[in-house]
Amino acid sequence: MAFTMHSHSGQFCGHAVDTLEQVVQRAIALGFCTLGLSEHMPRAHVEDLYPEERGDGSNLNGMLAALTAKYEAYLVEAVRLRDAYAGRIHILVGFEGEWIHGAHDDGARIQALARHPEVDYFIGSVHHVGRKGTPIDYDKATFQAAIDVAVSKAGVAASTDIDPEVYLYADYYDQQLEMLQALRPRIVGHFDLVRLLSVNPARDPATATGLATLVWPKIQRNLEYVASYGGWLECNTAALRKGLAEPYPGRAISELWVKLGGKFTMSDDSHGTSHVATNYLRGLAYLKSLGVNEVWTLERKPSSVSPGGAKTRGELLEKSVTLAEFEASLRLEES
């Protein structure tokens, strides 16, 4: 009963490797019963392109058009693989949202993409902070640029006693709330991604100086909102792969989420075959330490064609998987 709800391939994601079909085959080999495909949605503004996507800067609009074409090709391939491997693995077709410019821009585009009859779900994620779209998880230089923008916005002096990262954290969770309120995503991606490139990612946001007063109330607010509409947080083991001590979200956030009665799904956030199920045993042990005994996924019932010939979306059912069932189905010696 193992699964992931968050995955990428080099075929459709510039910073990943391997084809989508190879990722599917690897998931089958490792005992997955369900595989959620979630390539990134295309971005729509040249300022949102990552450095490796800009080339020499002479054809930025062409790069944007290529991202849209790549996403459309992804949907075609995802549906092909879903049908081709139907007897071996349950494939869900989704995408990872990008929330940068707000409800009237990215929000409207995400809602339009989600209405596609072959799309089962989307992940609500924030990878950029500030309306100029500064990435927070790309590298140290862009992370520092995001901090500088947040400090400038807050209007604080460089000599303040508060760690300047605190202002970035605060902006991140405010922007995340905008996304949550506009989209109410079933799955919230890497809830505390903002800590990835922090100088001290292991800080407890509930007690650390600055974070406890300026950020923790925002975290509580966001968690309460997700719980209010029945959304899920992913236990995302990519944080372990990237050197952090705990998955996303960290322990203080996860403990509060459990107290709120919140549900977890499971994600490896793979970017190629070598990442599929990476650190899953550590992730499951982490959930057990929180007192969690089940994770949640989706099951799609087949779509149908209306009398007028239009294809209708298949019904999605929520499905719980005990951690014991999940672990028993994995075919790996170490993760």
C-alpha atoms as a PDB file:
ATOM      1  CA  MET A   1       0.000   0.000   0.000  1.00  0.00           C
ATOM      2  CA  ALA A   2       3.013   2.314  -0.323  1.00  0.00           C
ATOM      3  CA  PHE A   3       2.593   5.497  -2.354  1.00  0.00           C
ATOM      4  CA  THR A   4       3.774   9.023  -3.022  1.00  0.00           C
ATOM      5  CA  MET A   5       1.586  12.007  -3.829  1.00  0.00           C
ATOM      6  CA  HIS A   6       4.458  14.227  -4.983  1.00  0.00           C
ATOM      7  CA  SER A   7       6.874  13.318  -7.780  1.00  0.00           C
ATOM      8  CA  HIS A   8       8.774  14.810 -10.726  1.00  0.00           C
ATOM      9  CA  SER A   9      10.738  13.555 -13.736  1.00  0.00           C
ATOM     10  CA  GLY A  10      13.539  14.975 -15.844  1.00  0.00           C
ATOM     11  CA  GLN A  11      11.312  14.615 -18.882  1.00  0.00           C
ATOM     12  CA  PHE A  12       9.067  17.423 -17.674  1.00  0.00           C
ATOM     13  CA  CYS A  13      11.034  19.161 -14.882  1.00  0.00           C
ATOM     14  CA  GLY A  14      14.299  20.937 -15.687  1.00  0.00           C
ATOM     15  CA  HIS A  15      15.969  20.186 -12.341  1.00  0.00           C
ATOM     16  CA  ALA A  16      15.065  16.477 -12.292  1.00  0.00           C
ATOM     17  CA  VAL A  17      16.322  13.411 -14.201  1.00  0.00           C
ATOM     18  CA  ASP A  18      14.914  10.308 -15.922  1.00  0.00           C
ATOM     19  CA  THR A  19      11.724   9.862 -17.914  1.00  0.00           C
ATOM     20  CA  LEU A  20       8.273   9.763 -16.405  1.00  0.00           C
ATOM     21  CA  GLU A  21       7.881   6.134 -17.455  1.00  0.00           C
ATOM     22  CA  GLN A  22      11.137   5.217 -15.715  1.00  0.00           C
ATOM     23  CA  VAL A  23       9.803   6.811 -12.509  1.00  0.00           C
ATOM     24  CA  VAL A  24       6.621   4.746 -12.854  1.00  0.00           C
ATOM     25  CA  GLN A  25       8.615   1.551 -13.376  1.00  0.00           C
ATOM     26  CA  ARG A  26      10.813   2.303 -10.361  1.00  0.00           C
ATOM     27  CA  ALA A  27       7.756   2.890  -8.169  1.00  0.00           C
ATOM     28  CA  ILE A  28       6.354  -0.482  -9.226  1.00  0.00           C
ATOM     29  CA  ALA A  29       9.667  -2.191  -8.493  1.00  0.00           C
ATOM     30  CA  LEU A  30       9.673  -0.715  -4.976  1.00  0.00           C
ATOM     31  CA  GLY A  31       6.187  -1.982  -4.199  1.00  0.00           C
ATOM     32  CA  PHE A  32       4.141   1.174  -4.647  1.00  0.00           C
ATOM     33  CA  CYS A  33       0.411   0.674  -5.095  1.00  0.00           C
ATOM     34  CA  THR A  34      -0.321   4.331  -5.917  1.00  0.00           C
ATOM     35  CA  LEU A  35       1.808   6.959  -7.657  1.00  0.00           C
ATOM     36  CA  GLY A  36       0.766  10.591  -7.718  1.00  0.00           C
ATOM     37  CA  LEU A  37       2.318  12.429 -10.666  1.00  0.00           C
ATOM     38  CA  SER A  38       2.727  16.124  -9.916  1.00  0.00           C
ATOM     39  CA  GLU A  39       4.914  17.966 -12.398  1.00  0.00           C
ATOM     40  CA  HIS A  40       5.148  21.735 -11.913  1.00  0.00           C
ATOM     41  CA  MET A  41       2.560  23.959 -13.508  1.00  0.00           C
ATOM     42  CA  PRO A  42       4.006  26.334 -16.133  1.00  0.00           C
ATOM     43  CA  ARG A  43       4.949  29.785 -14.904  1.00  0.00           C
ATOM     44  CA  ALA A  44       3.652  32.811 -16.814  1.00  0.00           C
ATOM     45  CA  HIS A  45       6.093  35.675 -16.178  1.00  0.00           C
ATOM     46  CA  VAL A  46       9.708  36.030 -17.277  1.00  0.00           C
ATOM     47  CA  GLU A  47      10.764  37.231 -13.829  1.00  0.00           C
ATOM     48  CA  ASP A  48       9.706  33.836 -12.438  1.00  0.00           C
ATOM     49  CA  LEU A  49      12.175  31.870 -14.558  1.00  0.00           C
ATOM     50  CA  TYR A  50      14.995  30.203 -12.655  1.00  0.00           C
ATOM     51  CA  PRO A  51      18.579  31.081 -13.610  1.00  0.00           C
ATOM     52  CA  GLU A  52      19.110  27.838 -15.532  1.00  0.00           C
ATOM     53  CA  GLU A  53      15.958  28.549 -17.558  1.00  0.00           C
ATOM     54  CA  ARG A  54      17.076  31.978 -18.724  1.00  0.00           C
ATOM     55  CA  GLY A  55      19.891  30.939 -21.028  1.00  0.00           C
ATOM     56  CA  ASP A  56      21.538  34.058 -22.453  1.00  0.00           C
ATOM     57  CA  GLY A  57      18.369  36.057 -21.762  1.00  0.00           C
ATOM     58  CA  SER A  58      17.557  36.608 -25.437  1.00  0.00           C
ATOM     59  CA  ASN A  59      14.412  34.466 -25.612  1.00  0.00           C
ATOM     60  CA  LEU A  60      12.675  34.582 -22.257  1.00  0.00           C
ATOM     61  CA  ASN A  61       9.181  34.609 -23.733  1.00  0.00           C
ATOM     62  CA  GLY A  62      10.150  31.566 -25.762  1.00  0.00           C
ATOM     63  CA  MET A  63      11.209  29.833 -22.555  1.00  0.00           C
ATOM     64  CA  LEU A  64       7.802  30.547 -21.024  1.00  0.00           C
ATOM     65  CA  ALA A  65       6.062  29.145 -24.085  1.00  0.00           C
ATOM     66  CA  ALA A  66       8.233  26.033 -23.854  1.00  0.00           C
ATOM     67  CA  LEU A  67       7.157  25.496 -20.236  1.00  0.00           C
ATOM     68  CA  THR A  68       3.503  25.589 -21.278  1.00  0.00           C
ATOM     69  CA  ALA A  69       4.115  23.146 -24.139  1.00  0.00           C
ATOM     70  CA  LYS A  70       6.022  20.845 -21.790  1.00  0.00           C
ATOM     71  CA  TYR A  71       3.150  20.830 -19.288  1.00  0.00           C
ATOM     72  CA  GLU A  72       0.642  19.979 -22.018  1.00  0.00           C
ATOM     73  CA  ALA A  73       2.893  17.143 -23.176  1.00  0.00           C
ATOM     74  CA  TYR A  74       3.122  15.944 -19.575  1.00  0.00           C
ATOM     75  CA  LEU A  75      -0.645  15.542 -19.306  1.00  0.00           C
ATOM     76  CA  VAL A  76      -0.720  13.476 -22.484  1.00  0.00           C
ATOM     77  CA  GLU A  77       2.084  11.210 -21.271  1.00  0.00           C
ATOM     78  CA  ALA A  78       0.660  10.920 -17.762  1.00  0.00           C
ATOM     79  CA  VAL A  79      -2.686   9.720 -19.094  1.00  0.00           C
ATOM     80  CA  ARG A  80      -0.933   7.264 -21.416  1.00  0.00           C
ATOM     81  CA  LEU A  81       1.057   5.818 -18.525  1.00  0.00           C
ATOM     82  CA  ARG A  82      -1.986   5.734 -16.253  1.00  0.00           C
ATOM     83  CA  ASP A  83      -3.808   3.574 -18.778  1.00  0.00           C
ATOM     84  CA  ALA A  84      -0.809   1.477 -19.841  1.00  0.00           C
ATOM     85  CA  TYR A  85       0.118   0.499 -16.265  1.00  0.00           C
ATOM     86  CA  ALA A  86      -3.418   0.293 -14.879  1.00  0.00           C
ATOM     87  CA  GLY A  87      -3.046  -3.364 -13.954  1.00  0.00           C
ATOM     88  CA  ARG A  88       0.185  -2.804 -12.026  1.00  0.00           C
ATOM     89  CA  ILE A  89      -0.104   0.548 -10.224  1.00  0.00           C
ATOM     90  CA  HIS A  90      -2.795   3.138  -9.573  1.00  0.00           C
ATOM     91  CA  ILE A  91      -1.587   6.382 -11.174  1.00  0.00           C
ATOM     92  CA  LEU A  92      -3.091   9.728 -10.204  1.00  0.00           C
ATOM     93  CA  VAL A  93      -2.559  12.688 -12.512  1.00  0.00           C
ATOM     94  CA  GLY A  94      -1.865  15.935 -10.713  1.00  0.00           C
ATOM     95  CA  PHE A  95       0.370  18.987 -10.735  1.00  0.00           C
ATOM     96  CA  GLU A  96       2.253  21.177  -8.283  1.00  0.00           C
ATOM     97  CA  GLY A  97       0.973  24.716  -8.108  1.00  0.00           C
ATOM     98  CA  GLU A  98       3.141  27.837  -8.001  1.00  0.00           C
ATOM     99  CA  TRP A  99       1.839  30.731  -5.889  1.00  0.00           C
ATOM    100  CA  ILE A 100       3.790  33.893  -6.659  1.00  0.00           C
ATOM    101  CA  HIS A 101       1.613  36.757  -7.895  1.00  0.00           C
ATOM    102  CA  GLY A 102      -1.619  36.181  -6.024  1.00  0.00           C
ATOM    103  CA  ALA A 103      -5.204  35.089  -6.555  1.00  0.00           C
ATOM    104  CA  HIS A 104      -5.923  37.038  -9.745  1.00  0.00           C
ATOM    105  CA  ASP A 105      -2.824  35.647 -11.443  1.00  0.00           C
ATOM    106  CA  ASP A 106      -1.473  32.293 -10.295  1.00  0.00           C
ATOM    107  CA  GLY A 107      -4.655  31.524  -8.397  1.00  0.00           C
ATOM    108  CA  ALA A 108      -6.849  31.860 -11.474  1.00  0.00           C
ATOM    109  CA  ARG A 109      -4.411  29.800 -13.545  1.00  0.00           C
ATOM    110  CA  ILE A 110      -4.244  27.019 -10.954  1.00  0.00           C
ATOM    111  CA  GLN A 111      -8.024  26.831 -10.800  1.00  0.00           C
ATOM    112  CA  ALA A 112      -8.214  26.645 -14.595  1.00  0.00           C
ATOM    113  CA  LEU A 113      -5.585  23.872 -14.760  1.00  0.00           C
ATOM    114  CA  ALA A 114      -7.369  21.938 -12.012  1.00  0.00           C
ATOM    115  CA  ARG A 115     -10.592  21.872 -14.035  1.00  0.00           C
ATOM    116  CA  HIS A 116      -8.995  19.711 -16.728  1.00  0.00           C
ATOM    117  CA  PRO A 117     -10.990  16.442 -16.767  1.00  0.00           C
ATOM    118  CA  GLU A 118      -7.838  14.294 -16.543  1.00  0.00           C
ATOM    119  CA  VAL A 119      -6.402  16.138 -13.534  1.00  0.00           C
ATOM    120  CA  ASP A 120      -7.181  14.450 -10.234  1.00  0.00           C
ATOM    121  CA  TYR A 121      -5.594  16.862  -7.773  1.00  0.00           C
ATOM    122  CA  PHE A 122      -2.979  19.546  -7.288  1.00  0.00           C
ATOM    123  CA  ILE A 123      -0.467  20.357  -4.580  1.00  0.00           C
ATOM    124  CA  GLY A 124      -0.606  23.839  -3.096  1.00  0.00           C
ATOM    125  CA  SER A 125       2.997  25.007  -2.784  1.00  0.00           C
ATOM    126  CA  VAL A 126       4.946  28.196  -2.239  1.00  0.00           C
ATOM    127  CA  HIS A 127       8.487  28.289  -3.681  1.00  0.00           C
ATOM    128  CA  HIS A 128       8.837  32.069  -4.076  1.00  0.00           C
ATOM    129  CA  VAL A 129       8.249  34.930  -1.668  1.00  0.00           C
ATOM    130  CA  GLY A 130       7.409  38.506  -2.585  1.00  0.00           C
ATOM    131  CA  ARG A 131       5.593  39.700  -5.668  1.00  0.00           C
ATOM    132  CA  LYS A 132       8.914  39.803  -7.535  1.00  0.00           C
ATOM    133  CA  GLY A 133       9.019  36.063  -7.165  1.00  0.00           C
ATOM    134  CA  THR A 134      12.308  35.459  -5.330  1.00  0.00           C
ATOM    135  CA  PRO A 135      12.940  31.700  -4.921  1.00  0.00           C
ATOM    136  CA  ILE A 136      13.501  30.455  -1.387  1.00  0.00           C
ATOM    137  CA  ASP A 137      14.779  26.948  -2.146  1.00  0.00           C
ATOM    138  CA  TYR A 138      17.097  27.434  -5.150  1.00  0.00           C
ATOM    139  CA  ASP A 139      20.442  28.410  -3.645  1.00  0.00           C
ATOM    140  CA  LYS A 140      21.969  30.471  -0.833  1.00  0.00           C
ATOM    141  CA  ALA A 141      22.284  33.592  -2.978  1.00  0.00           C
ATOM    142  CA  THR A 142      18.602  33.736  -3.946  1.00  0.00           C
ATOM    143  CA  PHE A 143      17.609  32.820  -0.385  1.00  0.00           C
ATOM    144  CA  GLN A 144      19.599  35.817   0.851  1.00  0.00           C
ATOM    145  CA  ALA A 145      17.951  37.993  -1.801  1.00  0.00           C
ATOM    146  CA  ALA A 146      14.566  36.873  -0.489  1.00  0.00           C
ATOM    147  CA  ILE A 147      15.641  37.787   3.053  1.00  0.00           C
ATOM    148  CA  ASP A 148      16.753  41.234   1.870  1.00  0.00           C
ATOM    149  CA  VAL A 149      13.379  41.833   0.214  1.00  0.00           C
ATOM    150  CA  ALA A 150      11.528  40.775   3.373  1.00  0.00           C
ATOM    151  CA  VAL A 151      13.683  42.990   5.620  1.00  0.00           C
ATOM    152  CA  SER A 152      13.199  45.958   3.302  1.00  0.00           C
ATOM    153  CA  LYS A 153       9.454  45.382   3.241  1.00  0.00           C
ATOM    154  CA  ALA A 154       9.371  45.260   7.040  1.00  0.00           C
ATOM    155  CA  GLY A 155      11.290  48.535   7.195  1.00  0.00           C
ATOM    156  CA  VAL A 156      13.711  47.339   9.860  1.00  0.00           C
ATOM    157  CA  ALA A 157      17.321  48.400  10.326  1.00  0.00           C
ATOM    158  CA  ALA A 158      20.176  46.000   9.687  1.00  0.00           C
ATOM    159  CA  SER A 159      21.251  46.352  13.309  1.00  0.00           C
ATOM    160  CA  THR A 160      18.028  44.877  14.692  1.00  0.00           C
ATOM    161  CA  ASP A 161      18.389  42.162  17.327  1.00  0.00           C
ATOM    162  CA  ILE A 162      15.969  39.931  15.420  1.00  0.00           C
ATOM    163  CA  ASP A 163      17.456  37.466  12.944  1.00  0.00           C
ATOM    164  CA  PRO A 164      16.549  38.848   9.501  1.00  0.00           C
ATOM    165  CA  GLU A 165      15.407  35.372   8.440  1.00  0.00           C
ATOM    166  CA  VAL A 166      12.435  35.863  10.748  1.00  0.00           C
ATOM    167  CA  TYR A 167      10.970  38.463   8.395  1.00  0.00           C
ATOM    168  CA  LEU A 168      11.254  36.062   5.465  1.00  0.00           C
ATOM    169  CA  TYR A 169       9.536  33.328   7.470  1.00  0.00           C
ATOM    170  CA  ALA A 170       6.730  35.763   8.309  1.00  0.00           C
ATOM    171  CA  ASP A 171       6.260  36.725   4.653  1.00  0.00           C
ATOM    172  CA  TYR A 172       6.325  33.069   3.609  1.00  0.00           C
ATOM    173  CA  TYR A 173       3.518  32.083   5.941  1.00  0.00           C
ATOM    174  CA  ASP A 174       1.447  35.139   5.010  1.00  0.00           C
ATOM    175  CA  GLN A 175       1.827  34.260   1.339  1.00  0.00           C
ATOM    176  CA  GLN A 176       1.007  30.644   2.131  1.00  0.00           C
ATOM    177  CA  LEU A 177      -2.218  31.755   3.815  1.00  0.00           C
ATOM    178  CA  GLU A 178      -3.215  33.675   0.686  1.00  0.00           C
ATOM    179  CA  MET A 179      -2.744  30.491  -1.315  1.00  0.00           C
ATOM    180  CA  LEU A 180      -4.673  28.377   1.182  1.00  0.00           C
ATOM    181  CA  GLN A 181      -7.626  30.741   1.327  1.00  0.00           C
ATOM    182  CA  ALA A 182      -7.864  31.126  -2.436  1.00  0.00           C
ATOM    183  CA  LEU A 183      -7.375  27.473  -3.400  1.00  0.00           C
ATOM    184  CA  ARG A 184      -8.075  25.257  -0.378  1.00  0.00           C
ATOM    185  CA  PRO A 185      -5.735  22.588  -1.782  1.00  0.00           C
ATOM    186  CA  ARG A 186      -6.335  19.034  -0.692  1.00  0.00           C
ATOM    187  CA  ILE A 187      -2.555  18.602  -0.303  1.00  0.00           C
ATOM    188  CA  VAL A 188      -0.326  21.363   1.095  1.00  0.00           C
ATOM    189  CA  GLY A 189       3.199  20.908  -0.217  1.00  0.00           C
ATOM    190  CA  HIS A 190       6.269  20.967   2.067  1.00  0.00           C
ATOM    191  CA  PHE A 191       4.541  23.186   4.625  1.00  0.00           C
ATOM    192  CA  ASP A 192       7.762  24.653   6.071  1.00  0.00           C
ATOM    193  CA  LEU A 193       9.954  24.688   2.950  1.00  0.00           C
ATOM    194  CA  VAL A 194      11.239  28.113   4.014  1.00  0.00           C
ATOM    195  CA  ARG A 195      13.611  26.493   6.511  1.00  0.00           C
ATOM    196  CA  LEU A 196      15.535  24.493   3.878  1.00  0.00           C
ATOM    197  CA  LEU A 197      18.353  27.021   3.325  1.00  0.00           C
ATOM    198  CA  SER A 198      18.176  28.627   6.751  1.00  0.00           C
ATOM    199  CA  VAL A 199      21.354  29.056   8.763  1.00  0.00           C
ATOM    200  CA  ASN A 200      19.596  27.050  11.473  1.00  0.00           C
ATOM    201  CA  PRO A 201      16.819  24.939   9.939  1.00  0.00           C
ATOM    202  CA  ALA A 202      16.396  22.904  13.127  1.00  0.00           C
ATOM    203  CA  ARG A 203      15.196  25.872  15.207  1.00  0.00           C
ATOM    204  CA  ASP A 204      11.901  25.286  16.978  1.00  0.00           C
ATOM    205  CA  PRO A 205       9.573  27.978  15.586  1.00  0.00           C
ATOM    206  CA  ALA A 206       7.423  27.757  18.691  1.00  0.00           C
ATOM    207  CA  THR A 207      10.244  28.800  21.023  1.00  0.00           C
ATOM    208  CA  ALA A 208      13.104  30.377  19.033  1.00  0.00           C
ATOM    209  CA  THR A 209      13.732  34.089  19.533  1.00  0.00           C
ATOM    210  CA  GLY A 210      11.837  36.143  16.979  1.00  0.00           C
ATOM    211  CA  LEU A 211      10.120  33.145  15.421  1.00  0.00           C
ATOM    212  CA  ALA A 212       8.069  32.452  18.538  1.00  0.00           C
ATOM    213  CA  THR A 213       6.543  35.924  18.583  1.00  0.00           C
ATOM    214  CA  LEU A 214       6.407  36.910  14.904  1.00  0.00           C
ATOM    215  CA  VAL A 215       6.066  33.605  13.056  1.00  0.00           C
ATOM    216  CA  TRP A 216       4.608  30.874  15.271  1.00  0.00           C
ATOM    217  CA  PRO A 217       1.169  32.571  15.488  1.00  0.00           C
ATOM    218  CA  LYS A 218       1.093  32.630  11.657  1.00  0.00           C
ATOM    219  CA  ILE A 219       1.969  28.931  11.540  1.00  0.00           C
ATOM    220  CA  GLN A 220      -0.811  28.143  14.010  1.00  0.00           C
ATOM    221  CA  ARG A 221      -3.252  30.233  11.963  1.00  0.00           C
ATOM    222  CA  ASN A 222      -2.352  28.439   8.725  1.00  0.00           C
ATOM    223  CA  LEU A 223      -2.585  24.983  10.279  1.00  0.00           C
ATOM    224  CA  GLU A 224      -5.971  25.784  11.769  1.00  0.00           C
ATOM    225  CA  TYR A 225      -7.182  26.961   8.386  1.00  0.00           C
ATOM    226  CA  VAL A 226      -6.032  23.791   6.597  1.00  0.00           C
ATOM    227  CA  ALA A 227      -7.678  21.694   9.294  1.00  0.00           C
ATOM    228  CA  SER A 228     -10.919  23.677   8.939  1.00  0.00           C
ATOM    229  CA  TYR A 229     -11.470  22.575   5.348  1.00  0.00           C
ATOM    230  CA  GLY A 230     -10.017  19.060   5.684  1.00  0.00           C
ATOM    231  CA  GLY A 231      -6.755  19.537   3.804  1.00  0.00           C
ATOM    232  CA  TRP A 232      -3.764  17.256   4.224  1.00  0.00           C
ATOM    233  CA  LEU A 233      -0.124  18.009   4.985  1.00  0.00           C
ATOM    234  CA  GLU A 234       2.447  15.834   3.293  1.00  0.00           C
ATOM    235  CA  CYS A 235       5.142  14.131   5.301  1.00  0.00           C
ATOM    236  CA  ASN A 236       7.744  15.024   2.697  1.00  0.00           C
ATOM    237  CA  THR A 237      10.980  13.066   3.021  1.00  0.00           C
ATOM    238  CA  ALA A 238      12.864  15.215   0.496  1.00  0.00           C
ATOM    239  CA  ALA A 239      13.925  17.321   3.487  1.00  0.00           C
ATOM    240  CA  LEU A 240      15.927  14.342   4.758  1.00  0.00           C
ATOM    241  CA  ARG A 241      17.481  13.810   1.341  1.00  0.00           C
ATOM    242  CA  LYS A 242      18.562  17.459   1.351  1.00  0.00           C
ATOM    243  CA  GLY A 243      20.289  17.180   4.707  1.00  0.00           C
ATOM    244  CA  LEU A 244      17.665  18.310   7.199  1.00  0.00           C
ATOM    245  CA  ALA A 245      17.149  16.306  10.372  1.00  0.00           C
ATOM    246  CA  GLU A 246      13.371  15.982  10.005  1.00  0.00           C
ATOM    247  CA  PRO A 247      10.946  15.749   7.104  1.00  0.00           C
ATOM    248  CA  TYR A 248       8.685  18.626   6.157  1.00  0.00           C
ATOM    249  CA  PRO A 249       7.011  19.714   8.358  1.00  0.00           C
ATOM    250  CA  GLY A 250       9.329  19.758  11.366  1.00  0.00           C
ATOM    251  CA  ARG A 251       8.364  18.379  14.751  1.00  0.00           C
ATOM    252  CA  ALA A 252       6.786  21.426  16.410  1.00  0.00           C
ATOM    253  CA  ILE A 253       4.509  21.992  13.417  1.00  0.00           C
ATOM    254  CA  SER A 254       3.715  18.291  13.071  1.00  0.00           C
ATOM    255  CA  GLU A 255       2.856  17.966  16.758  1.00  0.00           C
ATOM    256  CA  LEU A 256       0.427  20.859  16.530  1.00  0.00           C
ATOM    257  CA  TRP A 257      -1.062  19.397  13.341  1.00  0.00           C
ATOM    258  CA  VAL A 258      -1.697  16.104  15.151  1.00  0.00           C
ATOM    259  CA  LYS A 259      -3.351  17.971  18.051  1.00  0.00           C
ATOM    260  CA  LEU A 260      -5.649  19.654  15.535  1.00  0.00           C
ATOM    261  CA  GLY A 261      -6.695  16.256  14.225  1.00  0.00           C
ATOM    262  CA  GLY A 262      -4.981  16.916  10.886  1.00  0.00           C
ATOM    263  CA  LYS A 263      -4.255  14.185   8.360  1.00  0.00           C
ATOM    264  CA  PHE A 264      -0.923  13.403   6.701  1.00  0.00           C
ATOM    265  CA  THR A 265      -0.239  12.074   3.249  1.00  0.00           C
ATOM    266  CA  MET A 266       3.159  10.688   2.236  1.00  0.00           C
ATOM    267  CA  SER A 267       5.556  12.095  -0.347  1.00  0.00           C
ATOM    268  CA  ASP A 268       9.117  11.426  -1.431  1.00  0.00           C
ATOM    269  CA  ASP A 269       9.086  14.520  -3.705  1.00  0.00           C
ATOM    270  CA  SER A 270      11.247  12.464  -6.059  1.00  0.00           C
ATOM    271  CA  HIS A 271      13.131  14.141  -8.883  1.00  0.00           C
ATOM    272  CA  GLY A 272      14.140  10.937 -10.649  1.00  0.00           C
ATOM    273  CA  THR A 273      14.257   7.203 -10.103  1.00  0.00           C
ATOM    274  CA  SER A 274      16.978   7.326  -7.441  1.00  0.00           C
ATOM    275  CA  HIS A 275      14.750   9.437  -5.185  1.00  0.00           C
ATOM    276  CA  VAL A 276      11.665   7.200  -5.249  1.00  0.00           C
ATOM    277  CA  ALA A 277      10.953   6.063  -1.652  1.00  0.00           C
ATOM    278  CA  THR A 278      14.211   7.655  -0.462  1.00  0.00           C
ATOM    279  CA  ASN A 279      14.198   7.961   3.347  1.00  0.00           C
ATOM    280  CA  TYR A 280      10.715   6.459   3.573  1.00  0.00           C
ATOM    281  CA  LEU A 281      11.645   4.236   6.522  1.00  0.00           C
ATOM    282  CA  ARG A 282      12.901   7.320   8.378  1.00  0.00           C
ATOM    283  CA  GLY A 283       9.747   9.186   7.416  1.00  0.00           C
ATOM    284  CA  LEU A 284       7.517   6.402   8.706  1.00  0.00           C
ATOM    285  CA  ALA A 285       9.494   6.253  11.954  1.00  0.00           C
ATOM    286  CA  TYR A 286       9.035  10.009  12.317  1.00  0.00           C
ATOM    287  CA  LEU A 287       5.272   9.705  11.913  1.00  0.00           C
ATOM    288  CA  LYS A 288       5.164   6.871  14.443  1.00  0.00           C
ATOM    289  CA  SER A 289       7.046   9.063  16.931  1.00  0.00           C
ATOM    290  CA  LEU A 290       4.244  11.605  16.578  1.00  0.00           C
ATOM    291  CA  GLY A 291       1.632   8.988  17.412  1.00  0.00           C
ATOM    292  CA  VAL A 292       0.394   8.847  13.806  1.00  0.00           C
ATOM    293  CA  ASN A 293      -0.739   5.418  12.632  1.00  0.00           C
ATOM    294  CA  GLU A 294      -2.145   6.103   9.164  1.00  0.00           C
ATOM    295  CA  VAL A 295      -1.575   8.244   6.102  1.00  0.00           C
ATOM    296  CA  TRP A 296      -4.013   9.238   3.377  1.00  0.00           C
ATOM    297  CA  THR A 297      -4.109   8.946  -0.375  1.00  0.00           C
ATOM    298  CA  LEU A 298      -6.701   9.068  -3.151  1.00  0.00           C
ATOM    299  CA  GLU A 299      -8.413   6.440  -5.264  1.00  0.00           C
ATOM    300  CA  ARG A 300      -9.890   7.449  -8.584  1.00  0.00           C
ATOM    301  CA  LYS A 301     -12.963   5.797  -9.996  1.00  0.00           C
ATOM    302  CA  PRO A 302     -13.003   5.705 -13.812  1.00  0.00           C
ATOM    303  CA  SER A 303     -14.213   8.730 -15.726  1.00  0.00           C
ATOM    304  CA  SER A 304     -17.171   8.505 -18.051  1.00  0.00           C
ATOM    305  CA  VAL A 305     -18.419  10.104 -21.242  1.00  0.00           C
ATOM    306  CA  SER A 306     -21.644  12.078 -21.118  1.00  0.00           C
ATOM    307  CA  PRO A 307     -24.429  11.595 -23.728  1.00  0.00           C
ATOM    308  CA  GLY A 308     -23.106  14.725 -25.451  1.00  0.00           C
ATOM    309  CA  GLY A 309     -19.649  13.194 -25.798  1.00  0.00           C
ATOM    310  CA  ALA A 310     -17.891  15.283 -23.111  1.00  0.00           C
ATOM    311  CA  LYS A 311     -15.554  13.424 -20.782  1.00  0.00           C
ATOM    312  CA  THR A 312     -16.361  13.788 -17.100  1.00  0.00           C
ATOM    313  CA  ARG A 313     -13.915  13.616 -14.226  1.00  0.00           C
ATOM    314  CA  GLY A 314     -13.666  10.334 -12.368  1.00  0.00           C
ATOM    315  CA  GLU A 315     -14.794  10.328  -8.747  1.00  0.00           C
ATOM    316  CA  LEU A 316     -12.022  10.642  -6.169  1.00  0.00           C
ATOM    317  CA  LEU A 317     -12.244   8.773  -2.884  1.00  0.00           C
ATOM    318  CA  GLU A 318     -10.087   9.406   0.169  1.00  0.00           C
ATOM    319  CA  LYS A 319      -8.319   6.280   1.335  1.00  0.00           C
ATOM    320  CA  SER A 320      -6.395   5.619   4.547  1.00  0.00           C
ATOM    321  CA  VAL A 321      -3.356   3.354   4.716  1.00  0.00           C
ATOM    322  CA  THR A 322      -1.942   2.210   8.027  1.00  0.00           C
ATOM    323  CA  LEU A 323       1.764   2.721   8.517  1.00  0.00           C
ATOM    324  CA  ALA A 324       2.108  -1.028   9.024  1.00  0.00           C
ATOM    325  CA  GLU A 325       0.476  -1.713   5.642  1.00  0.00           C
ATOM    326  CA  PHE A 326       2.574   0.972   4.011  1.00  0.00           C
ATOM    327  CA  GLU A 327       5.855  -0.376   5.322  1.00  0.00           C
ATOM    328  CA  ALA A 328       4.956  -4.003   4.597  1.00  0.00           C
ATOM    329  CA  SER A 329       4.450  -3.269   0.910  1.00  0.00           C
ATOM    330  CA  LEU A 330       7.810  -1.534   0.436  1.00  0.00           C
ATOM    331  CA  ARG A 331      10.467  -3.580  -1.311  1.00  0.00           C
ATOM    332  CA  LEU A 332      13.692  -1.956  -0.183  1.00  0.00           C
ATOM    333  CA  GLU A 333      16.518  -2.737   2.194  1.00  0.00           C
ATOM    334  CA  GLU A 334      17.264   0.847   3.197  1.00  0.00           C
ATOM    335  CA  SER A 335      15.554   4.167   2.463  1.00  0.00           C
END
